[in-house]
């Protein structure tokens, strides 16, 4: 979910606690939050930094995994579907996983 507030904007994940956050970018929105996690953006620099993290992680994937993601992302005709697919796969890309990897936590 994407949110815009006065002092920041955020990307929220309903089951964000289940994501492997090795970069420590996910935050709890409040002390009573159980599963929700979010990424707060208070400046455009943070957005650029996250974009570079995802770009570097994507380029570190094997060529076959990159090709799988590119085919998956470019298949839909509507741009909002393509964006949605990219947003859903960011966690897997950051965890060095392929699109169809079945074993969580498996590294090359």
N, C-alpha and C. Protein backbone atom coordinates (compact mmCIF):
# COMPACT_ATOMS: atom_id res chain seq x y z
N UNK A 1 0.85 -1.16 0.00
CA UNK A 1 0.00 0.00 0.00
C UNK A 1 0.90 1.23 0.00
N UNK A 2 0.56 2.23 -0.79
CA UNK A 2 1.31 3.47 -0.86
C UNK A 2 0.52 4.55 -0.12
N UNK A 3 1.19 5.30 0.76
CA UNK A 3 0.53 6.33 1.56
C UNK A 3 1.30 7.64 1.45
N UNK A 4 0.56 8.75 1.49
CA UNK A 4 1.19 10.07 1.48
C UNK A 4 0.69 10.86 2.68
N UNK A 5 1.63 11.40 3.46
CA UNK A 5 1.31 12.20 4.63
C UNK A 5 1.99 13.55 4.51
N UNK A 6 1.79 14.42 5.51
CA UNK A 6 2.40 15.76 5.46
C UNK A 6 3.92 15.72 5.42
N UNK A 7 4.51 14.91 6.28
CA UNK A 7 5.96 14.94 6.45
C UNK A 7 6.70 13.78 5.78
N UNK A 8 5.98 12.80 5.27
CA UNK A 8 6.63 11.68 4.61
C UNK A 8 5.62 10.92 3.77
N UNK A 9 6.13 10.06 2.90
CA UNK A 9 5.29 9.10 2.20
C UNK A 9 5.84 7.72 2.55
N UNK A 10 5.03 6.69 2.34
CA UNK A 10 5.45 5.36 2.78
C UNK A 10 4.91 4.29 1.85
N UNK A 11 5.64 3.19 1.82
CA UNK A 11 5.18 1.96 1.19
C UNK A 11 4.98 0.97 2.32
N UNK A 12 3.76 0.44 2.45
CA UNK A 12 3.44 -0.48 3.53
C UNK A 12 3.24 -1.89 3.01
N UNK A 13 3.61 -2.86 3.84
CA UNK A 13 3.43 -4.27 3.53
C UNK A 13 2.59 -4.87 4.64
N UNK A 14 1.41 -5.44 4.30
CA UNK A 14 0.51 -5.96 5.32
C UNK A 14 1.13 -7.09 6.13
N UNK A 15 1.92 -7.93 5.49
CA UNK A 15 2.61 -9.01 6.20
C UNK A 15 4.12 -8.79 6.11
N UNK A 16 4.54 -7.58 6.35
CA UNK A 16 5.94 -7.20 6.25
C UNK A 16 6.84 -7.89 7.25
N UNK A 17 6.28 -8.35 8.36
CA UNK A 17 7.09 -9.05 9.37
C UNK A 17 7.64 -10.35 8.82
N UNK A 18 7.02 -10.88 7.78
CA UNK A 18 7.47 -12.13 7.18
C UNK A 18 8.60 -11.92 6.17
N UNK A 19 8.86 -10.67 5.78
CA UNK A 19 9.92 -10.39 4.82
C UNK A 19 11.28 -10.46 5.48
N UNK A 20 12.25 -10.93 4.75
CA UNK A 20 13.63 -10.98 5.23
C UNK A 20 14.25 -9.61 4.99
N UNK A 21 14.42 -8.83 6.05
CA UNK A 21 14.89 -7.44 5.95
C UNK A 21 16.34 -7.35 6.37
N UNK A 22 17.25 -7.76 5.49
CA UNK A 22 18.68 -7.74 5.82
C UNK A 22 19.25 -6.32 5.83
N UNK A 23 18.62 -5.39 5.12
CA UNK A 23 19.10 -4.00 5.05
C UNK A 23 18.51 -3.11 6.14
N UNK A 24 17.60 -3.66 6.96
CA UNK A 24 16.93 -2.92 8.05
C UNK A 24 16.26 -1.64 7.55
N UNK A 25 15.45 -1.77 6.50
CA UNK A 25 14.74 -0.60 5.97
C UNK A 25 13.27 -0.61 6.37
N UNK A 26 12.76 -1.74 6.85
CA UNK A 26 11.36 -1.82 7.26
C UNK A 26 11.20 -1.37 8.71
N UNK A 27 10.12 -0.62 8.97
CA UNK A 27 9.84 -0.11 10.30
C UNK A 27 8.45 -0.52 10.73
N UNK A 28 8.24 -0.63 12.05
CA UNK A 28 6.90 -0.85 12.59
C UNK A 28 6.19 0.50 12.60
N UNK A 29 4.93 0.57 12.14
CA UNK A 29 4.24 1.85 12.15
C UNK A 29 3.84 2.31 13.55
N UNK A 30 3.73 1.40 14.48
CA UNK A 30 3.37 1.75 15.85
C UNK A 30 3.77 0.63 16.79
N UNK A 31 3.70 0.88 18.09
CA UNK A 31 4.15 -0.13 19.05
C UNK A 31 3.26 -1.35 19.11
N UNK A 32 1.99 -1.21 18.74
CA UNK A 32 1.05 -2.34 18.79
C UNK A 32 0.92 -3.08 17.46
N UNK A 33 1.72 -2.73 16.49
CA UNK A 33 1.66 -3.38 15.18
C UNK A 33 2.25 -4.78 15.28
N UNK A 34 1.56 -5.74 14.70
CA UNK A 34 2.02 -7.12 14.73
C UNK A 34 2.77 -7.49 13.46
N UNK A 35 2.12 -7.39 12.32
CA UNK A 35 2.70 -7.88 11.07
C UNK A 35 3.05 -6.77 10.08
N UNK A 36 2.41 -5.63 10.20
CA UNK A 36 2.61 -4.55 9.22
C UNK A 36 4.00 -3.95 9.37
N UNK A 37 4.64 -3.71 8.24
CA UNK A 37 5.93 -3.01 8.20
C UNK A 37 5.85 -1.98 7.08
N UNK A 38 6.63 -0.92 7.20
CA UNK A 38 6.61 0.10 6.17
C UNK A 38 8.00 0.68 5.96
N UNK A 39 8.14 1.31 4.81
CA UNK A 39 9.36 2.04 4.46
C UNK A 39 8.95 3.50 4.36
N UNK A 40 9.52 4.35 5.23
CA UNK A 40 9.21 5.78 5.20
C UNK A 40 10.21 6.52 4.31
N UNK A 41 9.67 7.44 3.53
CA UNK A 41 10.49 8.27 2.67
C UNK A 41 10.26 9.73 3.08
N UNK A 42 11.29 10.36 3.63
CA UNK A 42 11.18 11.76 4.03
C UNK A 42 11.88 12.69 3.05
N UNK A 43 12.64 12.12 2.13
CA UNK A 43 13.30 12.93 1.11
C UNK A 43 13.48 12.10 -0.15
N UNK A 44 13.72 12.77 -1.24
CA UNK A 44 13.91 12.06 -2.50
C UNK A 44 15.22 11.27 -2.49
N UNK A 45 16.16 11.66 -1.64
CA UNK A 45 17.43 10.93 -1.54
C UNK A 45 17.21 9.49 -1.08
N UNK A 46 16.27 9.30 -0.16
CA UNK A 46 15.97 7.95 0.34
C UNK A 46 15.39 7.09 -0.78
N UNK A 47 14.55 7.69 -1.61
CA UNK A 47 13.97 6.97 -2.74
C UNK A 47 15.06 6.56 -3.71
N UNK A 48 15.98 7.49 -4.00
CA UNK A 48 17.09 7.18 -4.91
C UNK A 48 17.98 6.08 -4.35
N UNK A 49 18.20 6.11 -3.03
CA UNK A 49 19.04 5.10 -2.39
C UNK A 49 18.39 3.73 -2.49
N UNK A 50 17.08 3.64 -2.21
CA UNK A 50 16.38 2.36 -2.31
C UNK A 50 16.38 1.86 -3.75
N UNK A 51 16.19 2.77 -4.70
CA UNK A 51 16.20 2.40 -6.12
C UNK A 51 17.56 1.80 -6.48
N UNK A 52 18.65 2.42 -5.99
CA UNK A 52 19.98 1.90 -6.27
C UNK A 52 20.20 0.53 -5.63
N UNK A 53 19.66 0.31 -4.36
CA UNK A 53 19.76 -1.01 -3.73
C UNK A 53 19.10 -2.08 -4.57
N UNK A 54 17.89 -1.77 -5.12
CA UNK A 54 17.16 -2.75 -5.92
C UNK A 54 17.87 -2.97 -7.25
N UNK A 55 18.38 -1.91 -7.84
CA UNK A 55 19.12 -2.03 -9.11
C UNK A 55 20.36 -2.90 -8.93
N UNK A 56 21.12 -2.66 -7.87
CA UNK A 56 22.32 -3.45 -7.61
C UNK A 56 21.98 -4.91 -7.35
N UNK A 57 20.90 -5.15 -6.59
CA UNK A 57 20.49 -6.52 -6.29
C UNK A 57 20.04 -7.23 -7.57
N UNK A 58 19.32 -6.51 -8.45
CA UNK A 58 18.88 -7.11 -9.71
C UNK A 58 20.07 -7.46 -10.59
N UNK A 59 21.04 -6.55 -10.66
CA UNK A 59 22.22 -6.81 -11.49
C UNK A 59 23.09 -7.92 -10.93
N UNK A 60 22.96 -8.22 -9.64
CA UNK A 60 23.73 -9.30 -9.02
C UNK A 60 23.10 -10.67 -9.29
N UNK A 61 21.84 -10.70 -9.76
CA UNK A 61 21.18 -11.97 -10.08
C UNK A 61 21.85 -12.61 -11.29
N UNK A 62 21.67 -13.91 -11.42
CA UNK A 62 22.19 -14.60 -12.59
C UNK A 62 21.43 -14.12 -13.83
N UNK A 63 22.02 -14.24 -15.01
CA UNK A 63 21.32 -13.80 -16.23
C UNK A 63 19.97 -14.50 -16.44
N UNK A 64 19.88 -15.75 -16.06
CA UNK A 64 18.61 -16.48 -16.21
C UNK A 64 17.53 -15.93 -15.30
N UNK A 65 17.89 -15.60 -14.07
CA UNK A 65 16.93 -15.02 -13.14
C UNK A 65 16.51 -13.62 -13.61
N UNK A 66 17.46 -12.85 -14.11
CA UNK A 66 17.12 -11.52 -14.63
C UNK A 66 16.14 -11.64 -15.78
N UNK A 67 16.41 -12.57 -16.67
CA UNK A 67 15.53 -12.76 -17.85
C UNK A 67 14.13 -13.18 -17.41
N UNK A 68 14.04 -14.06 -16.41
CA UNK A 68 12.73 -14.49 -15.90
C UNK A 68 11.92 -13.31 -15.38
N UNK A 69 12.57 -12.44 -14.61
CA UNK A 69 11.88 -11.26 -14.09
C UNK A 69 11.48 -10.31 -15.22
N UNK A 70 12.38 -10.08 -16.18
CA UNK A 70 12.08 -9.16 -17.27
C UNK A 70 10.88 -9.65 -18.09
N UNK A 71 10.84 -10.94 -18.38
CA UNK A 71 9.70 -11.49 -19.12
C UNK A 71 8.41 -11.34 -18.32
N UNK A 72 8.47 -11.59 -17.01
CA UNK A 72 7.30 -11.49 -16.14
C UNK A 72 6.82 -10.04 -16.05
N UNK A 73 7.76 -9.10 -15.92
CA UNK A 73 7.39 -7.70 -15.77
C UNK A 73 6.86 -7.10 -17.06
N UNK A 74 7.35 -7.53 -18.20
CA UNK A 74 6.96 -6.91 -19.46
C UNK A 74 5.75 -7.56 -20.13
N UNK A 75 5.24 -8.65 -19.58
CA UNK A 75 4.12 -9.36 -20.20
C UNK A 75 2.79 -8.60 -20.19
N UNK A 76 2.38 -7.96 -19.09
CA UNK A 76 1.07 -7.29 -19.07
C UNK A 76 0.99 -6.09 -20.01
N UNK A 77 -0.22 -5.84 -20.51
CA UNK A 77 -0.41 -4.70 -21.40
C UNK A 77 -0.59 -3.39 -20.62
N UNK A 78 -1.19 -3.46 -19.44
CA UNK A 78 -1.43 -2.25 -18.66
C UNK A 78 -0.23 -1.93 -17.79
N UNK A 79 0.14 -0.66 -17.77
CA UNK A 79 1.32 -0.25 -17.00
C UNK A 79 1.11 -0.44 -15.50
N UNK A 80 -0.12 -0.28 -15.01
CA UNK A 80 -0.34 -0.44 -13.57
C UNK A 80 -0.12 -1.89 -13.15
N UNK A 81 -0.39 -2.84 -14.03
CA UNK A 81 -0.12 -4.25 -13.72
C UNK A 81 1.38 -4.51 -13.71
N UNK A 82 2.11 -3.91 -14.66
CA UNK A 82 3.56 -4.07 -14.67
C UNK A 82 4.18 -3.50 -13.39
N UNK A 83 3.74 -2.31 -12.98
CA UNK A 83 4.26 -1.68 -11.76
C UNK A 83 3.93 -2.54 -10.55
N UNK A 84 2.72 -3.06 -10.49
CA UNK A 84 2.32 -3.91 -9.38
C UNK A 84 3.20 -5.16 -9.28
N UNK A 85 3.50 -5.77 -10.40
CA UNK A 85 4.36 -6.95 -10.39
C UNK A 85 5.77 -6.61 -9.90
N UNK A 86 6.29 -5.48 -10.34
CA UNK A 86 7.62 -5.08 -9.91
C UNK A 86 7.64 -4.84 -8.40
N UNK A 87 6.63 -4.14 -7.88
CA UNK A 87 6.57 -3.86 -6.44
C UNK A 87 6.49 -5.15 -5.63
N UNK A 88 5.73 -6.12 -6.12
CA UNK A 88 5.58 -7.38 -5.39
C UNK A 88 6.86 -8.20 -5.38
N UNK A 89 7.71 -8.04 -6.38
CA UNK A 89 8.91 -8.86 -6.49
C UNK A 89 10.16 -8.21 -5.88
N UNK A 90 10.08 -6.98 -5.42
CA UNK A 90 11.26 -6.30 -4.87
C UNK A 90 11.89 -7.08 -3.73
N UNK A 91 11.09 -7.63 -2.85
CA UNK A 91 11.62 -8.40 -1.73
C UNK A 91 12.41 -9.61 -2.18
N UNK A 92 11.88 -10.32 -3.18
CA UNK A 92 12.59 -11.50 -3.68
C UNK A 92 13.90 -11.11 -4.35
N UNK A 93 13.89 -10.00 -5.08
CA UNK A 93 15.11 -9.54 -5.74
C UNK A 93 16.16 -9.16 -4.71
N UNK A 94 15.75 -8.44 -3.66
CA UNK A 94 16.69 -8.04 -2.62
C UNK A 94 17.24 -9.24 -1.85
N UNK A 95 16.47 -10.35 -1.81
CA UNK A 95 16.92 -11.57 -1.13
C UNK A 95 17.67 -12.51 -2.07
N UNK A 96 18.00 -12.04 -3.29
CA UNK A 96 18.76 -12.83 -4.25
C UNK A 96 18.02 -14.11 -4.65
N UNK A 97 16.70 -14.01 -4.83
CA UNK A 97 15.89 -15.15 -5.21
C UNK A 97 15.37 -14.96 -6.62
N UNK A 98 15.23 -16.05 -7.34
CA UNK A 98 14.61 -16.01 -8.65
C UNK A 98 13.11 -15.96 -8.54
N UNK A 99 12.45 -15.69 -9.64
CA UNK A 99 11.00 -15.56 -9.66
C UNK A 99 10.30 -16.85 -9.22
N UNK A 100 10.84 -17.98 -9.64
CA UNK A 100 10.18 -19.26 -9.37
C UNK A 100 10.93 -20.13 -8.36
N UNK A 101 11.84 -19.53 -7.58
CA UNK A 101 12.55 -20.31 -6.56
C UNK A 101 11.57 -20.79 -5.51
N UNK A 102 11.66 -22.06 -5.16
CA UNK A 102 10.74 -22.66 -4.20
C UNK A 102 11.30 -22.67 -2.79
N UNK A 103 12.62 -22.66 -2.64
CA UNK A 103 13.24 -22.81 -1.32
C UNK A 103 13.58 -21.44 -0.77
N UNK A 104 12.91 -21.05 0.31
CA UNK A 104 13.17 -19.76 0.93
C UNK A 104 14.50 -19.81 1.66
N UNK A 105 15.27 -18.76 1.50
CA UNK A 105 16.55 -18.67 2.18
C UNK A 105 17.68 -19.37 1.46
N UNK A 106 17.40 -19.99 0.30
CA UNK A 106 18.44 -20.67 -0.46
C UNK A 106 19.31 -19.66 -1.19
N UNK A 107 20.57 -19.79 -1.04
CA UNK A 107 21.51 -18.88 -1.71
C UNK A 107 22.38 -19.68 -2.67
N UNK A 108 22.91 -18.98 -3.70
CA UNK A 108 23.79 -19.67 -4.62
C UNK A 108 25.14 -19.85 -4.00
